[in-house]
Protein backbone atom coordinates (compact mmCIF):
# COMPACT_ATOMS: atom_id res chain seq x y z
CA MET A 1 155.14 214.69 240.27
CA SER A 2 154.61 215.07 236.28
CA GLY A 3 156.65 216.39 233.55
CA THR A 4 158.35 215.09 230.53
CA ILE A 5 160.61 212.32 230.08
CA LEU A 6 162.94 211.66 226.99
CA LEU A 7 163.79 208.14 226.33
CA THR A 8 166.38 207.45 223.87
CA ALA A 9 167.40 203.98 222.20
CA GLY A 10 169.01 202.34 219.33
CA GLY A 11 166.05 200.94 216.96
CA THR A 12 166.34 197.37 217.86
CA GLY A 13 164.02 195.18 219.89
CA GLY A 14 166.96 194.71 222.61
CA HIS A 15 167.01 198.44 223.20
CA LEU A 16 163.37 199.43 222.52
CA PHE A 17 161.50 196.70 224.61
CA PRO A 18 162.80 197.80 227.84
CA ALA A 19 162.14 201.33 226.89
CA GLN A 20 158.67 200.69 226.10
CA ALA A 21 158.20 198.78 229.32
CA LEU A 22 159.44 201.85 231.13
CA ALA A 23 157.22 204.30 229.16
CA ASP A 24 154.09 202.39 229.92
CA VAL A 25 154.71 202.63 233.75
CA LEU A 26 155.91 206.51 233.39
CA LEU A 27 152.55 207.06 231.42
CA GLU A 28 150.74 205.44 234.32
CA ARG A 29 152.27 207.79 236.75
CA GLY A 30 151.21 210.88 234.73
CA TYR A 31 154.28 211.68 232.78
CA VAL A 32 154.62 212.73 229.33
CA VAL A 33 157.04 210.66 227.15
CA ASP A 34 158.77 211.25 224.11
CA LEU A 35 161.33 208.80 222.41
CA ALA A 36 164.46 209.60 220.51
CA THR A 37 165.76 206.72 218.03
CA ASP A 38 166.77 205.81 214.65
CA ARG A 39 165.10 204.58 211.51
CA ARG A 40 165.34 200.93 212.40
CA ALA A 41 162.47 201.63 214.92
CA ASP A 42 160.09 202.01 211.71
CA LYS A 43 159.50 198.14 211.85
CA PHE A 44 157.96 198.16 215.31
CA GLY A 45 155.46 200.58 213.65
CA ASP A 46 153.35 202.57 216.28
CA ALA A 47 153.67 200.23 219.30
CA PHE A 48 155.71 202.66 221.23
CA PRO A 49 153.57 204.57 223.73
CA ALA A 50 155.36 207.92 223.11
CA ARG A 51 153.77 211.52 222.62
CA SER A 52 156.35 212.19 219.80
CA THR A 53 159.17 209.83 218.27
CA TYR A 54 162.07 211.74 216.81
CA LEU A 55 164.47 210.11 214.39
CA ILE A 56 167.97 211.10 215.35
CA SER A 57 171.18 211.18 212.91
CA SER A 58 173.76 208.70 214.24
CA ASP A 59 176.32 206.08 213.27
CA THR A 60 178.49 203.30 214.50
CA ILE A 61 182.23 203.50 214.62
CA ARG A 62 182.89 200.52 212.28
CA SER A 63 186.66 201.19 211.44
CA LYS A 64 189.56 203.47 211.84
CA ASN A 65 189.65 204.63 208.28
CA PRO A 66 189.94 208.35 208.53
CA VAL A 67 187.13 209.08 205.87
CA ALA A 68 184.74 206.60 207.61
CA LEU A 69 185.39 208.20 210.79
CA ALA A 70 184.97 211.70 209.62
CA ARG A 71 181.51 210.58 208.06
CA THR A 72 180.42 209.17 211.43
CA GLY A 73 181.63 212.16 213.26
CA LEU A 74 179.40 214.21 211.04
CA LYS A 75 176.46 212.02 211.41
CA LEU A 76 176.94 212.09 215.32
CA LEU A 77 177.38 216.02 215.13
CA ARG A 78 174.15 216.35 213.15
CA GLY A 79 172.47 214.13 215.73
CA TYR A 80 173.57 216.27 218.51
CA TRP A 81 172.21 219.28 216.88
CA GLN A 82 168.88 217.77 216.39
CA ALA A 83 168.87 216.29 219.88
CA SER A 84 169.71 219.80 221.36
CA GLY A 85 166.81 221.25 219.46
CA ILE A 86 164.45 218.66 220.80
CA LEU A 87 165.80 219.14 224.39
CA LYS A 88 165.22 223.06 223.95
CA ARG A 89 161.57 222.56 222.71
CA THR A 90 160.49 219.60 225.23
CA LYS A 91 162.34 220.64 228.24
CA PRO A 92 162.42 217.16 229.78
CA SER A 93 163.10 216.37 233.42
CA VAL A 94 165.47 213.53 232.60
CA VAL A 95 166.81 211.83 229.61
CA VAL A 96 167.00 208.16 229.75
CA GLY A 97 169.32 206.10 227.44
CA PHE A 98 168.83 202.45 226.74
CA GLY A 99 172.08 201.86 224.66
CA GLY A 100 173.12 201.96 220.95
CA TYR A 101 174.69 204.63 219.16
CA PRO A 102 171.72 206.55 218.55
CA THR A 103 171.48 207.23 222.28
CA PHE A 104 174.84 209.22 222.22
CA PRO A 105 173.69 212.38 220.61
CA PRO A 106 170.59 212.88 223.00
CA MET A 107 172.67 211.79 225.98
CA PHE A 108 175.51 214.16 225.17
CA ALA A 109 173.19 217.05 224.36
CA ALA A 110 171.47 216.54 227.71
CA ARG A 111 174.72 216.71 229.45
CA MET A 112 175.69 219.92 227.80
CA ARG A 113 172.24 221.51 228.66
CA GLY A 114 172.59 220.40 232.35
CA VAL A 115 169.51 217.86 232.14
CA PRO A 116 170.03 214.80 234.40
CA THR A 117 170.61 211.62 232.57
CA ILE A 118 170.17 208.01 233.32
CA LEU A 119 171.89 205.24 231.38
CA HIS A 120 170.15 201.51 231.51
CA GLU A 121 172.64 198.65 230.43
CA ALA A 122 170.89 195.58 229.60
CA ASN A 123 173.91 193.28 229.30
CA ALA A 124 176.49 191.69 231.59
CA VAL A 125 179.05 193.83 230.16
CA MET A 126 178.64 197.61 229.26
CA GLY A 127 178.27 198.35 225.57
CA ARG A 128 180.75 200.74 223.81
CA ALA A 129 178.38 203.78 223.52
CA ASN A 130 177.12 203.32 227.31
CA ARG A 131 180.87 203.33 228.48
CA MET A 132 181.60 206.48 226.92
CA LEU A 133 178.38 208.03 228.49
CA ALA A 134 178.34 206.36 231.75
CA ARG A 135 181.03 208.75 233.61
CA HIS A 136 178.98 211.73 233.05
CA ALA A 137 175.51 210.21 233.74
CA THR A 138 173.63 211.06 236.94
CA ALA A 139 173.01 207.27 237.46
CA VAL A 140 173.66 204.12 235.66
CA ALA A 141 170.75 201.52 236.20
CA THR A 142 171.99 197.78 235.39
CA SER A 143 170.23 194.43 234.55
CA PHE A 144 173.01 192.45 236.34
CA PRO A 145 174.49 193.48 239.62
CA GLU A 146 178.33 194.95 240.01
CA ILE A 147 179.07 195.25 236.42
CA LEU A 148 180.84 198.64 237.09
CA SER A 149 184.22 198.50 238.74
CA GLY A 150 187.35 200.22 238.75
CA ASP A 151 186.33 203.47 236.54
CA GLY A 152 184.89 205.78 238.94
CA THR A 153 181.29 205.02 238.14
CA GLU A 154 180.64 202.52 240.92
CA GLU A 155 178.73 204.87 243.03
CA LYS A 156 176.19 205.60 240.19
CA GLN A 157 175.26 202.21 239.62
CA VAL A 158 171.60 201.08 240.70
CA PHE A 159 170.89 197.47 240.10
CA THR A 160 167.29 197.42 238.67
CA GLY A 161 167.11 194.48 236.50
CA ASN A 162 165.85 194.66 232.85
CA PRO A 163 162.37 196.11 232.36
CA LEU A 164 159.99 193.74 231.16
CA ARG A 165 157.08 194.20 228.79
CA SER A 166 153.68 193.77 230.00
CA ALA A 167 153.14 190.50 227.82
CA VAL A 168 156.10 189.03 229.84
CA ILE A 169 154.70 189.91 233.11
CA THR A 170 151.64 188.30 232.31
CA ALA A 171 153.49 185.00 231.20
CA CYS A 172 155.33 185.08 234.43
CA ASP A 173 152.01 183.59 235.97
CA VAL A 174 151.74 180.61 233.74
CA PRO A 175 153.08 177.64 236.15
CA TRP A 176 155.65 175.31 234.99
CA ARG A 177 154.52 171.79 234.07
CA THR A 178 157.35 168.96 234.24
CA PRO A 179 156.86 166.73 231.16
CA GLY A 180 155.77 163.12 231.57
CA SER A 181 157.56 160.37 229.64
CA ARG A 182 154.76 160.06 227.24
CA ASP A 183 153.78 163.87 227.11
CA ARG A 184 154.22 166.05 224.23
CA PHE A 185 157.58 167.94 224.61
CA LYS A 186 157.38 171.56 223.46
CA LEU A 187 160.61 172.87 222.07
CA LEU A 188 160.78 176.43 221.23
CA VAL A 189 163.77 177.78 219.15
CA PHE A 190 164.45 181.38 218.28
CA GLY A 191 167.54 183.53 217.27
CA GLY A 192 166.34 186.95 216.36
CA SER A 193 167.07 188.87 213.07
CA GLN A 194 170.70 188.22 213.00
CA GLY A 195 170.80 184.69 214.74
CA ALA A 196 167.99 182.67 213.31
CA ARG A 197 169.69 181.37 210.39
CA PHE A 198 172.02 179.04 212.11
CA PHE A 199 169.15 177.44 213.71
CA SER A 200 167.20 176.82 210.75
CA GLN A 201 170.31 175.19 209.15
CA MET A 202 171.28 173.09 212.29
CA MET A 203 168.18 171.95 213.93
CA PRO A 204 166.82 169.58 211.41
CA SER A 205 170.06 167.48 211.66
CA VAL A 206 169.84 167.67 215.52
CA LEU A 207 166.40 166.48 215.51
CA GLU A 208 167.40 164.01 212.97
CA ALA A 209 169.86 162.59 215.40
CA LEU A 210 167.62 161.88 218.08
CA PRO A 211 166.19 158.64 218.81
CA GLU A 212 162.93 158.15 216.86
CA GLU A 213 160.82 157.55 220.08
CA LEU A 214 162.08 160.99 221.41
CA CYS A 215 161.62 162.91 218.03
CA SER A 216 158.00 161.76 217.55
CA ARG A 217 157.19 163.47 220.83
CA ILE A 218 158.63 167.01 219.95
CA ASP A 219 156.29 169.77 219.22
CA LEU A 220 158.63 172.25 217.50
CA VAL A 221 157.89 176.00 217.25
CA GLN A 222 160.78 177.85 215.75
CA GLN A 223 161.76 181.40 214.38
CA SER A 224 163.46 181.35 210.87
CA ARG A 225 164.31 184.15 208.48
CA PRO A 226 161.65 184.52 205.69
CA GLU A 227 164.21 183.23 203.28
CA ASP A 228 164.98 180.29 205.08
CA ILE A 229 161.37 179.15 206.07
CA ASP A 230 160.81 177.01 202.80
CA MET A 231 164.14 175.17 203.22
CA ALA A 232 163.69 174.45 206.78
CA ALA A 233 160.04 173.22 206.27
CA GLN A 234 161.35 170.85 203.52
CA ASP A 235 164.12 169.62 205.90
CA TYR A 236 161.43 169.03 208.58
CA ALA A 237 158.92 167.24 206.24
CA ALA A 238 161.74 164.69 205.48
CA LEU A 239 161.72 163.82 209.13
CA GLY A 240 158.05 163.46 209.25
CA MET A 241 157.70 166.79 211.28
CA LYS A 242 155.34 169.59 210.73
CA PRO A 243 156.81 172.55 213.04
CA GLU A 244 155.28 175.91 213.42
CA LEU A 245 157.75 178.01 211.63
CA LYS A 246 157.53 181.94 211.44
CA SER A 247 159.76 184.80 210.81
CA PHE A 248 158.32 186.58 213.86
CA PHE A 249 156.23 185.82 216.86
CA THR A 250 154.25 188.66 218.31
CA ASP A 251 153.37 186.40 221.23
CA LEU A 252 156.96 184.94 222.08
CA PRO A 253 156.50 185.52 225.95
CA ASP A 254 153.56 183.24 225.73
CA ARG A 255 155.27 180.74 223.86
CA ILE A 256 158.41 180.75 226.18
CA ALA A 257 155.81 180.21 229.20
CA GLN A 258 154.22 177.07 226.99
CA ALA A 259 157.85 175.70 226.40
CA HIS A 260 159.53 172.61 228.22
CA LEU A 261 162.78 173.84 226.71
CA VAL A 262 164.24 176.82 224.78
CA ILE A 263 166.96 177.04 222.41
CA CYS A 264 167.91 180.47 221.63
CA ARG A 265 170.47 183.35 221.45
CA SER A 266 171.49 185.20 224.77
CA GLY A 267 170.46 188.65 224.00
CA ALA A 268 169.85 190.64 227.18
CA THR A 269 166.07 190.66 226.71
CA SER A 270 166.09 186.95 226.04
CA VAL A 271 167.84 186.04 228.99
CA SER A 272 165.77 188.48 231.41
CA GLU A 273 162.43 186.85 230.05
CA LEU A 274 163.67 183.35 230.37
CA ALA A 275 164.50 184.27 233.78
CA ALA A 276 161.37 185.83 234.94
CA ILE A 277 159.09 183.42 233.37
CA GLY A 278 161.35 180.44 234.70
CA ARG A 279 162.11 178.32 231.80
CA PRO A 280 165.27 176.19 231.05
CA SER A 281 167.24 176.79 228.07
CA ILE A 282 170.18 176.15 225.95
CA LEU A 283 171.98 179.40 225.17
CA VAL A 284 173.85 179.98 222.00
CA PRO A 285 175.64 183.37 222.11
CA LEU A 286 175.89 185.31 218.91
CA PRO A 287 179.57 185.00 217.77
CA GLY A 288 181.72 187.79 216.69
CA ALA A 289 180.43 190.44 219.09
CA ILE A 290 183.28 192.81 220.12
CA ASP A 291 182.16 192.93 223.79
CA GLN A 292 181.07 189.31 224.01
CA ASP A 293 177.85 190.66 225.65
CA GLN A 294 175.67 187.63 224.75
CA SER A 295 178.31 185.20 226.19
CA ALA A 296 178.57 186.94 229.38
CA ASN A 297 174.78 187.16 229.60
CA ALA A 298 174.62 183.44 229.04
CA ARG A 299 177.12 182.52 231.67
CA THR A 300 175.26 184.51 234.25
CA LEU A 301 172.24 182.29 233.72
CA GLU A 302 174.52 179.14 233.52
CA SER A 303 176.22 179.97 236.67
CA ILE A 304 172.99 179.65 238.58
CA GLY A 305 171.81 176.49 237.20
CA GLY A 306 169.15 177.94 234.87
CA ALA A 307 170.62 177.42 231.51
CA VAL A 308 173.36 175.50 229.42
CA PHE A 309 175.78 177.39 227.58
CA ALA A 310 176.72 176.22 224.14
CA ALA A 311 179.15 178.04 221.89
CA GLU A 312 178.15 177.86 218.36
CA ALA A 313 181.51 176.79 216.99
CA SER A 314 181.33 173.94 219.43
CA ILE A 315 178.04 172.53 218.47
CA THR A 316 177.52 169.42 216.42
CA PRO A 317 174.02 167.93 215.62
CA SER A 318 174.99 164.45 217.59
CA GLY A 319 176.12 166.58 220.73
CA LEU A 320 172.99 168.87 220.79
CA ALA A 321 170.66 165.91 220.22
CA GLU A 322 172.39 164.08 222.95
CA THR A 323 171.71 167.07 225.42
CA ILE A 324 167.88 167.50 224.34
CA ALA A 325 167.57 163.58 224.73
CA GLY A 326 169.13 163.64 228.20
CA PHE A 327 166.64 166.36 229.07
CA MET A 328 163.72 164.57 227.68
CA ARG A 329 164.67 161.35 229.64
CA SER A 330 165.31 163.14 232.91
CA PRO A 331 162.72 165.88 233.07
CA GLN A 332 163.38 166.61 236.67
CA THR A 333 166.58 168.46 235.51
CA LEU A 334 164.35 170.71 233.44
CA SER A 335 162.33 171.26 236.51
CA THR A 336 165.27 172.24 238.46
CA MET A 337 166.69 174.57 235.76
CA ALA A 338 163.21 176.23 235.48
CA GLU A 339 163.28 176.88 239.23
CA ALA A 340 166.84 178.31 239.27
CA ALA A 341 165.97 180.47 236.23
CA ARG A 342 162.86 181.89 237.99
CA LYS A 343 164.78 182.75 241.27
CA GLU A 344 167.10 184.98 238.95
CA GLY A 345 164.29 186.84 237.37
CA ARG A 346 163.39 190.54 238.09
CA PRO A 347 159.68 190.87 237.24
CA ASN A 348 159.63 193.94 239.22
CA ALA A 349 162.70 195.84 237.21
CA VAL A 350 160.46 198.31 235.53
CA GLY A 351 158.97 199.57 238.84
CA ARG A 352 162.45 199.91 240.27
CA LEU A 353 163.59 201.76 237.02
CA ALA A 354 160.65 204.05 237.11
CA ASP A 355 161.44 204.88 240.89
CA LEU A 356 164.97 205.87 239.91
CA VAL A 357 163.70 207.98 237.13
CA GLU A 358 161.42 209.86 239.47
CA HIS A 359 163.98 210.24 242.12
CA VAL A 360 166.56 211.67 239.60
CA ALA A 361 163.97 213.88 238.18
CA SER A 362 163.37 215.50 241.59
CA GLY A 363 166.91 216.55 241.69
CA GLU A 364 168.33 213.86 243.88
CA LYS A 365 171.36 211.70 243.11
CA ALA A 366 171.66 207.87 242.37
CA ALA A 367 173.65 207.43 245.95
CA SER A 368 170.47 208.63 248.02
CA PHE A 369 168.22 206.38 246.11
CA LEU A 370 170.14 203.55 246.89
CA GLN A 371 169.66 204.10 250.64
CA GLY A 372 166.17 203.60 250.47
CA VAL A 373 165.91 200.57 247.98
CA PRO A 374 166.37 197.03 248.80
CA LYS A 375 168.97 195.05 246.98
């Protein structure tokens, strides 16, 4: 089978990376792939393998102010008409949404035009935009099992896992190596564009609180916002450390694979990649999220022994230093966590999602797909 598939996603890595993974597989299977997103996707350049990329007008509901709601409504209405025109021209077999408000106009337009739709929910709790769209979707693919209940959408749920980029799949083949008592200890710290500042401010104090014999063994790789790199470098220099600091790592999956311990936020992509590659982590959810999705993601990996959950408000330099020291002195604990995380990984997620897309494109329902797919 071949045809056109329209993917739609908010213009952030958490939404675009799984969409990109699916696009690669669909192209291999002979499909034409188009993308509908927003202007934030510009920072990713031409990395997305779409025939055409359409920028859709959209907005997030931020307040109950009547004027703000009216402006949001007008932007979404404009996005709907844009998306409707795109659907009319491209005639996709399926529209697949990956979350974020830019998905709302194309998914709603698809529903109005009778085009089958698939939602993919990357987090352990469903986002607001996806909750509004799920009831009328043909199928809802999830990265975590059984996140839909009590709202009439359970029969549409297909547990696929979170699609992983090819670089992550490659990193999955890197074996875990337990650090010896005199080995260099590879520590990776990252937080994304929103969450990196906390780590830039906190981690120098954490490493200062470590016993010198442990701190001297650490090889640190850390993501910092561009405006924070100089400050962090000075703080580490005062400790006699020269970490590798960058605002963005293009080879992050390989960095994860080389690490003995990862400290990071718990976005869906990060948690999925940690699990698939099989690396122990300390997960610090980004605070303030309405849906507390990062907390739910972190708790899922913690519950199977693959990670330590750490709320930002409760972290102290001495407390986090004690946790790191405990891991360095008992590296077998890290090995156990790595094994537990890997068992939770779903490196075949993109194939399962591509199979679901083909199934829906052929006119079948999600329930019939589930009958032939192993859990």
